[in-house]
């Protein structure tokens, strides 16, 4: 049986990870990569043993699917180019820089009958996967995603760089839509918003309070869920889950609520998040229409991110502009 031919567009930090992960999937053949920067191509060949091409057309002519790990501002045009060639596309998060671009990408995937998946890799984090069965109807979500600044991410603001993960998880895990947004944010190290807080109200009644910062000395990626009689805390960075439930009251005993709090064991299976994502994408190439719901959710997260940016910009302290 022939294997699926894979190409990687963009072989910087993320693209190199894609190449390594694809090389571990036996059902695929990693044909090679394209990057407009000669030094990136040379490094990919030297460090990864990866064949590279001098033009994107030369790569797209030889593959069935592509991972696009180029800068965000190129996501839309590269995705549309690949879909027009009849290829299945996995494009790194955020889906695009603008909502209109994301809409065009999803429409093109449907018209071509090809799979389109957005690389919201936190969905495949083994800690998130382990927590999902314990989440029924969250009432409050609190997320903190903090990191030192990384030059490769500053082509967009922190909302698209970091907060987009927690916007996506909020929509995914509540299975609800955002009806109201309040947000603040300011630039610190770049001309764009570098730290932001968003308070989202969802149609389900859940409230999500999300903070993202790339002005931090340490990395923190935690998201906490509160629902009736249950608390679930996920550390996405260290891939651990803590969960507690409130046991029923004993009618014959004095009411001591603290004594009724019980830990819930949650087993996190060791898995590579990116490899899990790529395997999911590979399966979707056989039923492309199933990918479109995943892409729609990523597009919804992009819409919310756009509103968070708009609200934060309007709330900017006097004298600060972005």
C-alpha atoms as a PDB file:
ATOM      1  CA  UNK A   1       0.000   0.000   0.000  1.00  0.00           C
ATOM      2  CA  UNK A   2       1.392   3.432  -0.959  1.00  0.00           C
ATOM      3  CA  UNK A   3       2.132   5.885   1.802  1.00  0.00           C
ATOM      4  CA  UNK A   4       0.893   9.457   2.050  1.00  0.00           C
ATOM      5  CA  UNK A   5       3.445  11.950   0.746  1.00  0.00           C
ATOM      6  CA  UNK A   6       4.031  14.834   3.161  1.00  0.00           C
ATOM      7  CA  UNK A   7       5.652  18.229   2.777  1.00  0.00           C
ATOM      8  CA  UNK A   8       6.451  20.925   5.333  1.00  0.00           C
ATOM      9  CA  UNK A   9       6.197  24.613   4.452  1.00  0.00           C
ATOM     10  CA  UNK A  10       8.387  26.660   6.776  1.00  0.00           C
ATOM     11  CA  UNK A  11      11.229  24.932   8.617  1.00  0.00           C
ATOM     12  CA  UNK A  12      11.891  27.306  11.473  1.00  0.00           C
ATOM     13  CA  UNK A  13      11.294  26.213  15.062  1.00  0.00           C
ATOM     14  CA  UNK A  14       7.760  24.817  14.613  1.00  0.00           C
ATOM     15  CA  UNK A  15       8.321  23.476  11.120  1.00  0.00           C
ATOM     16  CA  UNK A  16      11.318  21.481  12.340  1.00  0.00           C
ATOM     17  CA  UNK A  17       9.123  19.890  14.998  1.00  0.00           C
ATOM     18  CA  UNK A  18       6.565  19.016  12.324  1.00  0.00           C
ATOM     19  CA  UNK A  19       9.251  17.386  10.203  1.00  0.00           C
ATOM     20  CA  UNK A  20      10.527  15.292  13.106  1.00  0.00           C
ATOM     21  CA  UNK A  21       7.007  14.202  14.076  1.00  0.00           C
ATOM     22  CA  UNK A  22       6.039  13.284  10.496  1.00  0.00           C
ATOM     23  CA  UNK A  23       9.207  11.191  10.193  1.00  0.00           C
ATOM     24  CA  UNK A  24       7.969   9.016  13.078  1.00  0.00           C
ATOM     25  CA  UNK A  25       4.640   8.188  11.388  1.00  0.00           C
ATOM     26  CA  UNK A  26       5.087   5.038   9.327  1.00  0.00           C
ATOM     27  CA  UNK A  27       2.055   5.593   7.086  1.00  0.00           C
ATOM     28  CA  UNK A  28       3.710   8.668   5.578  1.00  0.00           C
ATOM     29  CA  UNK A  29       6.738   9.562   3.495  1.00  0.00           C
ATOM     30  CA  UNK A  30       8.290  12.909   4.341  1.00  0.00           C
ATOM     31  CA  UNK A  31       9.172  14.186   0.872  1.00  0.00           C
ATOM     32  CA  UNK A  32      10.811  17.423   1.953  1.00  0.00           C
ATOM     33  CA  UNK A  33      10.307  21.052   2.846  1.00  0.00           C
ATOM     34  CA  UNK A  34      10.236  24.559   1.482  1.00  0.00           C
ATOM     35  CA  UNK A  35      11.315  27.759   3.208  1.00  0.00           C
ATOM     36  CA  UNK A  36      12.040  31.076   1.458  1.00  0.00           C
ATOM     37  CA  UNK A  37      15.157  31.549   3.603  1.00  0.00           C
ATOM     38  CA  UNK A  38      18.200  29.690   2.189  1.00  0.00           C
ATOM     39  CA  UNK A  39      19.741  29.433   5.666  1.00  0.00           C
ATOM     40  CA  UNK A  40      16.612  27.688   6.979  1.00  0.00           C
ATOM     41  CA  UNK A  41      16.729  25.211   4.108  1.00  0.00           C
ATOM     42  CA  UNK A  42      20.411  24.550   4.722  1.00  0.00           C
ATOM     43  CA  UNK A  43      19.820  23.998   8.441  1.00  0.00           C
ATOM     44  CA  UNK A  44      16.936  21.595   7.752  1.00  0.00           C
ATOM     45  CA  UNK A  45      19.133  19.536   5.465  1.00  0.00           C
ATOM     46  CA  UNK A  46      22.097  19.624   7.826  1.00  0.00           C
ATOM     47  CA  UNK A  47      20.276  18.971  11.115  1.00  0.00           C
ATOM     48  CA  UNK A  48      17.266  16.943   9.998  1.00  0.00           C
ATOM     49  CA  UNK A  49      18.549  15.278   6.851  1.00  0.00           C
ATOM     50  CA  UNK A  50      15.511  16.790   5.140  1.00  0.00           C
ATOM     51  CA  UNK A  51      15.446  17.389   1.388  1.00  0.00           C
ATOM     52  CA  UNK A  52      14.440  20.976   0.569  1.00  0.00           C
ATOM     53  CA  UNK A  53      13.131  22.720  -2.532  1.00  0.00           C
ATOM     54  CA  UNK A  54      13.963  26.136  -3.957  1.00  0.00           C
ATOM     55  CA  UNK A  55      10.303  26.938  -4.701  1.00  0.00           C
ATOM     56  CA  UNK A  56       7.022  26.126  -3.057  1.00  0.00           C
ATOM     57  CA  UNK A  57       5.623  24.920  -6.376  1.00  0.00           C
ATOM     58  CA  UNK A  58       8.328  22.279  -6.602  1.00  0.00           C
ATOM     59  CA  UNK A  59       7.290  20.936  -3.191  1.00  0.00           C
ATOM     60  CA  UNK A  60       3.524  21.102  -3.728  1.00  0.00           C
ATOM     61  CA  UNK A  61       3.864  19.163  -7.010  1.00  0.00           C
ATOM     62  CA  UNK A  62       5.296  16.183  -5.117  1.00  0.00           C
ATOM     63  CA  UNK A  63       3.062  15.775  -2.047  1.00  0.00           C
ATOM     64  CA  UNK A  64      -0.463  14.836  -0.956  1.00  0.00           C
ATOM     65  CA  UNK A  65      -0.590  16.805   2.297  1.00  0.00           C
ATOM     66  CA  UNK A  66       1.288  19.747   3.787  1.00  0.00           C
ATOM     67  CA  UNK A  67       2.032  21.139   7.209  1.00  0.00           C
ATOM     68  CA  UNK A  68       2.186  24.929   7.003  1.00  0.00           C
ATOM     69  CA  UNK A  69       4.375  26.372   9.749  1.00  0.00           C
ATOM     70  CA  UNK A  70       5.119  29.719   8.130  1.00  0.00           C
ATOM     71  CA  UNK A  71       4.591  33.112   9.822  1.00  0.00           C
ATOM     72  CA  UNK A  72       0.936  33.877  10.593  1.00  0.00           C
ATOM     73  CA  UNK A  73       0.654  36.550   7.916  1.00  0.00           C
ATOM     74  CA  UNK A  74       1.325  33.878   5.259  1.00  0.00           C
ATOM     75  CA  UNK A  75      -1.116  31.253   6.564  1.00  0.00           C
ATOM     76  CA  UNK A  76      -4.031  32.248   4.355  1.00  0.00           C
ATOM     77  CA  UNK A  77      -2.277  32.577   1.001  1.00  0.00           C
ATOM     78  CA  UNK A  78      -0.202  29.412   1.488  1.00  0.00           C
ATOM     79  CA  UNK A  79      -3.253  27.418   2.573  1.00  0.00           C
ATOM     80  CA  UNK A  80      -5.299  28.631  -0.391  1.00  0.00           C
ATOM     81  CA  UNK A  81      -2.430  27.812  -2.728  1.00  0.00           C
ATOM     82  CA  UNK A  82      -2.156  24.256  -1.390  1.00  0.00           C
ATOM     83  CA  UNK A  83      -5.908  23.655  -1.430  1.00  0.00           C
ATOM     84  CA  UNK A  84      -6.056  24.867  -5.038  1.00  0.00           C
ATOM     85  CA  UNK A  85      -3.544  22.096  -5.848  1.00  0.00           C
ATOM     86  CA  UNK A  86      -5.889  19.536  -4.284  1.00  0.00           C
ATOM     87  CA  UNK A  87      -3.779  19.002  -1.168  1.00  0.00           C
ATOM     88  CA  UNK A  88      -4.946  18.395   2.389  1.00  0.00           C
ATOM     89  CA  UNK A  89      -3.663  21.119   4.724  1.00  0.00           C
ATOM     90  CA  UNK A  90      -2.674  21.347   8.356  1.00  0.00           C
ATOM     91  CA  UNK A  91      -1.919  24.987   9.130  1.00  0.00           C
ATOM     92  CA  UNK A  92      -0.355  26.091  12.390  1.00  0.00           C
ATOM     93  CA  UNK A  93      -2.286  28.270  14.814  1.00  0.00           C
ATOM     94  CA  UNK A  94      -3.544  30.920  14.673  1.00  0.00           C
ATOM     95  CA  UNK A  95      -5.633  30.024  11.645  1.00  0.00           C
ATOM     96  CA  UNK A  96      -4.983  33.413  10.040  1.00  0.00           C
ATOM     97  CA  UNK A  97      -4.372  37.039  10.859  1.00  0.00           C
ATOM     98  CA  UNK A  98      -7.924  38.108   9.949  1.00  0.00           C
ATOM     99  CA  UNK A  99     -11.323  36.482  10.237  1.00  0.00           C
ATOM    100  CA  UNK A 100     -12.071  37.080   6.559  1.00  0.00           C
ATOM    101  CA  UNK A 101      -8.970  35.056   5.666  1.00  0.00           C
ATOM    102  CA  UNK A 102     -10.061  32.185   7.899  1.00  0.00           C
ATOM    103  CA  UNK A 103     -13.488  32.186   6.285  1.00  0.00           C
ATOM    104  CA  UNK A 104     -11.907  32.018   2.832  1.00  0.00           C
ATOM    105  CA  UNK A 105      -9.695  29.120   3.909  1.00  0.00           C
ATOM    106  CA  UNK A 106     -12.597  27.057   5.228  1.00  0.00           C
ATOM    107  CA  UNK A 107     -14.712  27.814   2.142  1.00  0.00           C
ATOM    108  CA  UNK A 108     -11.830  26.739  -0.110  1.00  0.00           C
ATOM    109  CA  UNK A 109     -11.394  23.455   1.785  1.00  0.00           C
ATOM    110  CA  UNK A 110     -15.079  22.660   1.370  1.00  0.00           C
ATOM    111  CA  UNK A 111     -15.037  23.581  -2.315  1.00  0.00           C
ATOM    112  CA  UNK A 112     -11.974  21.397  -2.913  1.00  0.00           C
ATOM    113  CA  UNK A 113     -13.270  18.532  -0.760  1.00  0.00           C
ATOM    114  CA  UNK A 114     -10.010  18.500   1.177  1.00  0.00           C
ATOM    115  CA  UNK A 115      -9.183  18.293   4.865  1.00  0.00           C
ATOM    116  CA  UNK A 116      -8.248  21.504   6.674  1.00  0.00           C
ATOM    117  CA  UNK A 117      -7.020  21.316  10.256  1.00  0.00           C
ATOM    118  CA  UNK A 118      -5.695  24.192  12.345  1.00  0.00           C
ATOM    119  CA  UNK A 119      -2.784  23.268  14.596  1.00  0.00           C
ATOM    120  CA  UNK A 120      -4.372  24.034  17.948  1.00  0.00           C
ATOM    121  CA  UNK A 121      -1.966  21.535  19.492  1.00  0.00           C
ATOM    122  CA  UNK A 122      -3.172  22.067  23.076  1.00  0.00           C
ATOM    123  CA  UNK A 123      -6.311  20.091  22.162  1.00  0.00           C
ATOM    124  CA  UNK A 124      -4.019  17.050  21.933  1.00  0.00           C
ATOM    125  CA  UNK A 125      -2.132  17.709  25.162  1.00  0.00           C
ATOM    126  CA  UNK A 126      -2.424  14.441  27.125  1.00  0.00           C
ATOM    127  CA  UNK A 127      -3.409  16.382  30.257  1.00  0.00           C
ATOM    128  CA  UNK A 128      -6.305  18.051  28.418  1.00  0.00           C
ATOM    129  CA  UNK A 129      -7.331  14.695  26.964  1.00  0.00           C
ATOM    130  CA  UNK A 130      -7.268  13.119  30.425  1.00  0.00           C
ATOM    131  CA  UNK A 131      -9.334  15.964  31.911  1.00  0.00           C
ATOM    132  CA  UNK A 132     -12.049  16.054  29.240  1.00  0.00           C
ATOM    133  CA  UNK A 133     -14.121  13.087  30.547  1.00  0.00           C
ATOM    134  CA  UNK A 134     -14.330  14.841  33.933  1.00  0.00           C
ATOM    135  CA  UNK A 135     -15.777  18.061  32.487  1.00  0.00           C
ATOM    136  CA  UNK A 136     -19.538  18.123  32.035  1.00  0.00           C
ATOM    137  CA  UNK A 137     -20.747  21.716  32.361  1.00  0.00           C
ATOM    138  CA  UNK A 138     -18.116  24.228  33.500  1.00  0.00           C
ATOM    139  CA  UNK A 139     -19.460  27.282  35.303  1.00  0.00           C
ATOM    140  CA  UNK A 140     -16.183  29.208  35.534  1.00  0.00           C
ATOM    141  CA  UNK A 141     -12.852  28.857  33.746  1.00  0.00           C
ATOM    142  CA  UNK A 142      -9.619  30.535  34.739  1.00  0.00           C
ATOM    143  CA  UNK A 143      -6.534  30.324  32.517  1.00  0.00           C
ATOM    144  CA  UNK A 144      -3.027  31.729  32.800  1.00  0.00           C
ATOM    145  CA  UNK A 145      -0.653  31.385  29.863  1.00  0.00           C
ATOM    146  CA  UNK A 146       2.579  33.249  30.573  1.00  0.00           C
ATOM    147  CA  UNK A 147       5.928  33.037  28.816  1.00  0.00           C
ATOM    148  CA  UNK A 148       9.104  34.981  28.103  1.00  0.00           C
ATOM    149  CA  UNK A 149       9.014  36.767  24.781  1.00  0.00           C
ATOM    150  CA  UNK A 150      10.111  34.695  21.771  1.00  0.00           C
ATOM    151  CA  UNK A 151      11.104  36.580  18.610  1.00  0.00           C
ATOM    152  CA  UNK A 152       9.368  34.110  16.294  1.00  0.00           C
ATOM    153  CA  UNK A 153       5.945  34.990  17.782  1.00  0.00           C
ATOM    154  CA  UNK A 154       6.042  38.771  17.665  1.00  0.00           C
ATOM    155  CA  UNK A 155       4.594  39.089  14.161  1.00  0.00           C
ATOM    156  CA  UNK A 156       1.227  39.012  15.955  1.00  0.00           C
ATOM    157  CA  UNK A 157      -0.024  40.204  19.350  1.00  0.00           C
ATOM    158  CA  UNK A 158      -0.176  38.001  22.439  1.00  0.00           C
ATOM    159  CA  UNK A 159      -3.858  37.291  21.785  1.00  0.00           C
ATOM    160  CA  UNK A 160      -3.058  35.398  18.585  1.00  0.00           C
ATOM    161  CA  UNK A 161       0.318  34.211  19.848  1.00  0.00           C
ATOM    162  CA  UNK A 162      -0.743  32.664  23.185  1.00  0.00           C
ATOM    163  CA  UNK A 163      -4.322  33.397  24.270  1.00  0.00           C
ATOM    164  CA  UNK A 164      -5.708  31.729  21.139  1.00  0.00           C
ATOM    165  CA  UNK A 165      -4.977  28.337  22.760  1.00  0.00           C
ATOM    166  CA  UNK A 166      -7.237  29.060  25.729  1.00  0.00           C
ATOM    167  CA  UNK A 167      -9.916  30.677  23.583  1.00  0.00           C
ATOM    168  CA  UNK A 168      -9.982  27.471  21.547  1.00  0.00           C
ATOM    169  CA  UNK A 169     -10.071  25.237  24.643  1.00  0.00           C
ATOM    170  CA  UNK A 170     -12.874  27.304  26.161  1.00  0.00           C
ATOM    171  CA  UNK A 171     -15.057  26.839  23.079  1.00  0.00           C
ATOM    172  CA  UNK A 172     -14.118  23.173  22.759  1.00  0.00           C
ATOM    173  CA  UNK A 173     -14.665  22.172  26.380  1.00  0.00           C
ATOM    174  CA  UNK A 174     -17.836  24.167  27.059  1.00  0.00           C
ATOM    175  CA  UNK A 175     -19.428  23.297  23.696  1.00  0.00           C
ATOM    176  CA  UNK A 176     -20.885  26.804  23.827  1.00  0.00           C
ATOM    177  CA  UNK A 177     -20.483  30.146  22.071  1.00  0.00           C
ATOM    178  CA  UNK A 178     -19.261  33.485  23.395  1.00  0.00           C
ATOM    179  CA  UNK A 179     -21.988  36.113  23.804  1.00  0.00           C
ATOM    180  CA  UNK A 180     -20.062  38.904  25.564  1.00  0.00           C
ATOM    181  CA  UNK A 181     -16.424  39.986  25.719  1.00  0.00           C
ATOM    182  CA  UNK A 182     -14.600  42.347  28.055  1.00  0.00           C
ATOM    183  CA  UNK A 183     -10.865  42.762  27.557  1.00  0.00           C
ATOM    184  CA  UNK A 184      -7.853  44.872  28.444  1.00  0.00           C
ATOM    185  CA  UNK A 185      -4.276  44.742  27.238  1.00  0.00           C
ATOM    186  CA  UNK A 186      -1.172  46.817  26.645  1.00  0.00           C
ATOM    187  CA  UNK A 187       2.054  46.703  24.640  1.00  0.00           C
ATOM    188  CA  UNK A 188       5.189  46.355  26.740  1.00  0.00           C
ATOM    189  CA  UNK A 189       8.085  45.014  24.688  1.00  0.00           C
ATOM    190  CA  UNK A 190       6.686  45.292  21.165  1.00  0.00           C
ATOM    191  CA  UNK A 191       4.358  47.693  19.317  1.00  0.00           C
ATOM    192  CA  UNK A 192       1.594  45.084  19.715  1.00  0.00           C
ATOM    193  CA  UNK A 193      -0.377  43.954  22.783  1.00  0.00           C
ATOM    194  CA  UNK A 194       2.000  41.856  24.917  1.00  0.00           C
ATOM    195  CA  UNK A 195      -0.197  41.200  27.961  1.00  0.00           C
ATOM    196  CA  UNK A 196      -3.965  40.833  27.901  1.00  0.00           C
ATOM    197  CA  UNK A 197      -6.885  39.717  30.009  1.00  0.00           C
ATOM    198  CA  UNK A 198     -10.253  38.705  28.616  1.00  0.00           C
ATOM    199  CA  UNK A 199     -13.476  37.963  30.462  1.00  0.00           C
ATOM    200  CA  UNK A 200     -15.868  35.962  28.308  1.00  0.00           C
ATOM    201  CA  UNK A 201     -19.501  35.165  28.972  1.00  0.00           C
ATOM    202  CA  UNK A 202     -20.780  32.123  27.118  1.00  0.00           C
ATOM    203  CA  UNK A 203     -24.287  31.186  26.066  1.00  0.00           C
ATOM    204  CA  UNK A 204     -24.188  28.300  28.572  1.00  0.00           C
ATOM    205  CA  UNK A 205     -23.760  30.827  31.412  1.00  0.00           C
ATOM    206  CA  UNK A 206     -20.116  29.883  31.939  1.00  0.00           C
ATOM    207  CA  UNK A 207     -17.675  32.752  32.526  1.00  0.00           C
ATOM    208  CA  UNK A 208     -14.050  32.413  31.400  1.00  0.00           C
ATOM    209  CA  UNK A 209     -11.278  34.656  32.700  1.00  0.00           C
ATOM    210  CA  UNK A 210      -8.200  34.300  30.487  1.00  0.00           C
ATOM    211  CA  UNK A 211      -4.811  35.950  30.940  1.00  0.00           C
ATOM    212  CA  UNK A 212      -1.966  35.760  28.446  1.00  0.00           C
ATOM    213  CA  UNK A 213       1.425  37.402  28.721  1.00  0.00           C
ATOM    214  CA  UNK A 214       4.731  37.239  26.914  1.00  0.00           C
ATOM    215  CA  UNK A 215       6.292  39.516  29.514  1.00  0.00           C
ATOM    216  CA  UNK A 216       7.121  36.845  32.062  1.00  0.00           C
ATOM    217  CA  UNK A 217      10.326  35.336  33.396  1.00  0.00           C
ATOM    218  CA  UNK A 218       8.743  31.910  33.758  1.00  0.00           C
ATOM    219  CA  UNK A 219       6.458  29.713  31.701  1.00  0.00           C
ATOM    220  CA  UNK A 220       2.995  28.976  33.070  1.00  0.00           C
ATOM    221  CA  UNK A 221       0.248  27.182  31.136  1.00  0.00           C
ATOM    222  CA  UNK A 222      -2.585  26.382  33.527  1.00  0.00           C
ATOM    223  CA  UNK A 223      -6.319  26.221  33.042  1.00  0.00           C
ATOM    224  CA  UNK A 224      -8.825  25.554  35.847  1.00  0.00           C
ATOM    225  CA  UNK A 225     -12.444  24.466  35.563  1.00  0.00           C
ATOM    226  CA  UNK A 226     -15.119  24.919  38.208  1.00  0.00           C
ATOM    227  CA  UNK A 227     -18.485  23.212  37.933  1.00  0.00           C
ATOM    228  CA  UNK A 228     -21.155  21.907  40.274  1.00  0.00           C
ATOM    229  CA  UNK A 229     -19.438  19.838  42.969  1.00  0.00           C
ATOM    230  CA  UNK A 230     -16.208  19.560  40.987  1.00  0.00           C
ATOM    231  CA  UNK A 231     -12.880  21.330  40.416  1.00  0.00           C
ATOM    232  CA  UNK A 232     -10.385  20.316  37.715  1.00  0.00           C
ATOM    233  CA  UNK A 233      -6.971  21.950  37.339  1.00  0.00           C
ATOM    234  CA  UNK A 234      -4.836  21.214  34.281  1.00  0.00           C
ATOM    235  CA  UNK A 235      -1.159  22.080  34.052  1.00  0.00           C
ATOM    236  CA  UNK A 236      -0.596  21.990  30.293  1.00  0.00           C
ATOM    237  CA  UNK A 237       3.133  22.623  30.632  1.00  0.00           C
ATOM    238  CA  UNK A 238       3.883  19.813  33.106  1.00  0.00           C
ATOM    239  CA  UNK A 239       1.023  17.652  31.801  1.00  0.00           C
ATOM    240  CA  UNK A 240      -0.649  16.964  35.117  1.00  0.00           C
ATOM    241  CA  UNK A 241      -4.259  17.075  36.289  1.00  0.00           C
ATOM    242  CA  UNK A 242      -5.687  17.632  39.761  1.00  0.00           C
ATOM    243  CA  UNK A 243      -9.374  17.016  40.285  1.00  0.00           C
ATOM    244  CA  UNK A 244     -11.655  17.105  43.323  1.00  0.00           C
ATOM    245  CA  UNK A 245     -15.314  16.378  43.848  1.00  0.00           C
ATOM    246  CA  UNK A 246     -17.763  17.075  46.664  1.00  0.00           C
ATOM    247  CA  UNK A 247     -19.148  13.870  48.132  1.00  0.00           C
ATOM    248  CA  UNK A 248     -22.864  13.752  49.092  1.00  0.00           C
ATOM    249  CA  UNK A 249     -23.668  14.925  52.593  1.00  0.00           C
ATOM    250  CA  UNK A 250     -24.255  12.303  55.282  1.00  0.00           C
ATOM    251  CA  UNK A 251     -27.703  13.048  56.748  1.00  0.00           C
ATOM    252  CA  UNK A 252     -26.633  11.635  60.086  1.00  0.00           C
ATOM    253  CA  UNK A 253     -23.400  13.591  60.436  1.00  0.00           C
ATOM    254  CA  UNK A 254     -22.708  17.241  61.198  1.00  0.00           C
ATOM    255  CA  UNK A 255     -22.228  19.384  58.088  1.00  0.00           C
ATOM    256  CA  UNK A 256     -18.482  19.750  57.511  1.00  0.00           C
ATOM    257  CA  UNK A 257     -18.056  20.605  53.869  1.00  0.00           C
ATOM    258  CA  UNK A 258     -14.252  20.341  53.930  1.00  0.00           C
ATOM    259  CA  UNK A 259     -14.470  16.681  54.951  1.00  0.00           C
ATOM    260  CA  UNK A 260     -16.638  15.978  51.913  1.00  0.00           C
ATOM    261  CA  UNK A 261     -14.019  17.119  49.396  1.00  0.00           C
ATOM    262  CA  UNK A 262     -12.521  14.065  47.734  1.00  0.00           C
ATOM    263  CA  UNK A 263      -9.640  13.803  45.249  1.00  0.00           C
ATOM    264  CA  UNK A 264     -10.470  12.251  41.894  1.00  0.00           C
ATOM    265  CA  UNK A 265      -7.671  10.169  40.378  1.00  0.00           C
ATOM    266  CA  UNK A 266      -6.874  11.226  36.809  1.00  0.00           C
ATOM    267  CA  UNK A 267      -4.311   9.255  34.827  1.00  0.00           C
ATOM    268  CA  UNK A 268      -2.397  11.176  32.164  1.00  0.00           C
ATOM    269  CA  UNK A 269      -0.987   8.859  29.514  1.00  0.00           C
ATOM    270  CA  UNK A 270       2.370   9.957  28.080  1.00  0.00           C
ATOM    271  CA  UNK A 271       1.835  11.070  24.484  1.00  0.00           C
ATOM    272  CA  UNK A 272       3.472  13.467  22.055  1.00  0.00           C
ATOM    273  CA  UNK A 273       0.902  16.209  21.442  1.00  0.00           C
ATOM    274  CA  UNK A 274       2.116  17.144  17.978  1.00  0.00           C
ATOM    275  CA  UNK A 275       2.353  13.550  16.811  1.00  0.00           C
ATOM    276  CA  UNK A 276      -1.195  12.939  18.088  1.00  0.00           C
ATOM    277  CA  UNK A 277      -2.349  15.993  16.139  1.00  0.00           C
ATOM    278  CA  UNK A 278      -0.652  14.832  12.941  1.00  0.00           C
ATOM    279  CA  UNK A 279      -2.145  11.342  13.256  1.00  0.00           C
ATOM    280  CA  UNK A 280      -5.593  12.890  13.735  1.00  0.00           C
ATOM    281  CA  UNK A 281      -5.054  15.028  10.642  1.00  0.00           C
ATOM    282  CA  UNK A 282      -3.914  12.002   8.656  1.00  0.00           C
ATOM    283  CA  UNK A 283      -7.129  10.178   9.580  1.00  0.00           C
ATOM    284  CA  UNK A 284      -9.170  13.211   8.511  1.00  0.00           C
ATOM    285  CA  UNK A 285      -7.681  13.106   5.016  1.00  0.00           C
ATOM    286  CA  UNK A 286      -9.797   9.985   4.468  1.00  0.00           C
ATOM    287  CA  UNK A 287     -12.980  11.820   5.543  1.00  0.00           C
ATOM    288  CA  UNK A 288     -12.225  15.510   4.824  1.00  0.00           C
ATOM    289  CA  UNK A 289     -15.715  16.716   5.716  1.00  0.00           C
ATOM    290  CA  UNK A 290     -15.089  15.711   9.332  1.00  0.00           C
ATOM    291  CA  UNK A 291     -12.196  18.182   9.497  1.00  0.00           C
ATOM    292  CA  UNK A 292     -14.399  21.138   8.672  1.00  0.00           C
ATOM    293  CA  UNK A 293     -16.062  21.178  12.094  1.00  0.00           C
ATOM    294  CA  UNK A 294     -12.629  21.310  13.753  1.00  0.00           C
ATOM    295  CA  UNK A 295     -11.677  24.147  11.407  1.00  0.00           C
ATOM    296  CA  UNK A 296     -14.945  25.955  12.124  1.00  0.00           C
ATOM    297  CA  UNK A 297     -14.182  25.847  15.853  1.00  0.00           C
ATOM    298  CA  UNK A 298     -10.727  27.298  15.189  1.00  0.00           C
ATOM    299  CA  UNK A 299     -12.376  30.004  13.091  1.00  0.00           C
ATOM    300  CA  UNK A 300     -14.766  30.769  15.966  1.00  0.00           C
ATOM    301  CA  UNK A 301     -11.749  31.122  18.274  1.00  0.00           C
ATOM    302  CA  UNK A 302     -10.235  33.543  15.751  1.00  0.00           C
ATOM    303  CA  UNK A 303     -13.472  35.569  15.769  1.00  0.00           C
ATOM    304  CA  UNK A 304     -13.380  35.796  19.565  1.00  0.00           C
ATOM    305  CA  UNK A 305      -9.686  36.749  19.436  1.00  0.00           C
ATOM    306  CA  UNK A 306     -10.580  39.541  17.029  1.00  0.00           C
ATOM    307  CA  UNK A 307     -13.198  40.852  19.458  1.00  0.00           C
ATOM    308  CA  UNK A 308     -10.757  40.567  22.393  1.00  0.00           C
ATOM    309  CA  UNK A 309      -8.249  42.652  20.438  1.00  0.00           C
ATOM    310  CA  UNK A 310     -10.892  45.241  19.562  1.00  0.00           C
ATOM    311  CA  UNK A 311     -12.068  45.538  23.171  1.00  0.00           C
ATOM    312  CA  UNK A 312      -8.520  45.715  24.507  1.00  0.00           C
ATOM    313  CA  UNK A 313      -7.613  48.404  21.988  1.00  0.00           C
ATOM    314  CA  UNK A 314     -10.636  50.492  22.956  1.00  0.00           C
ATOM    315  CA  UNK A 315      -9.719  50.096  26.639  1.00  0.00           C
ATOM    316  CA  UNK A 316      -6.071  51.088  26.122  1.00  0.00           C
ATOM    317  CA  UNK A 317      -4.785  53.660  28.642  1.00  0.00           C
ATOM    318  CA  UNK A 318      -4.658  57.182  27.291  1.00  0.00           C
ATOM    319  CA  UNK A 319      -1.592  57.910  25.230  1.00  0.00           C
ATOM    320  CA  UNK A 320      -0.942  54.256  24.296  1.00  0.00           C
ATOM    321  CA  UNK A 321      -1.686  53.077  20.783  1.00  0.00           C
ATOM    322  CA  UNK A 322      -1.127  49.854  18.841  1.00  0.00           C
END
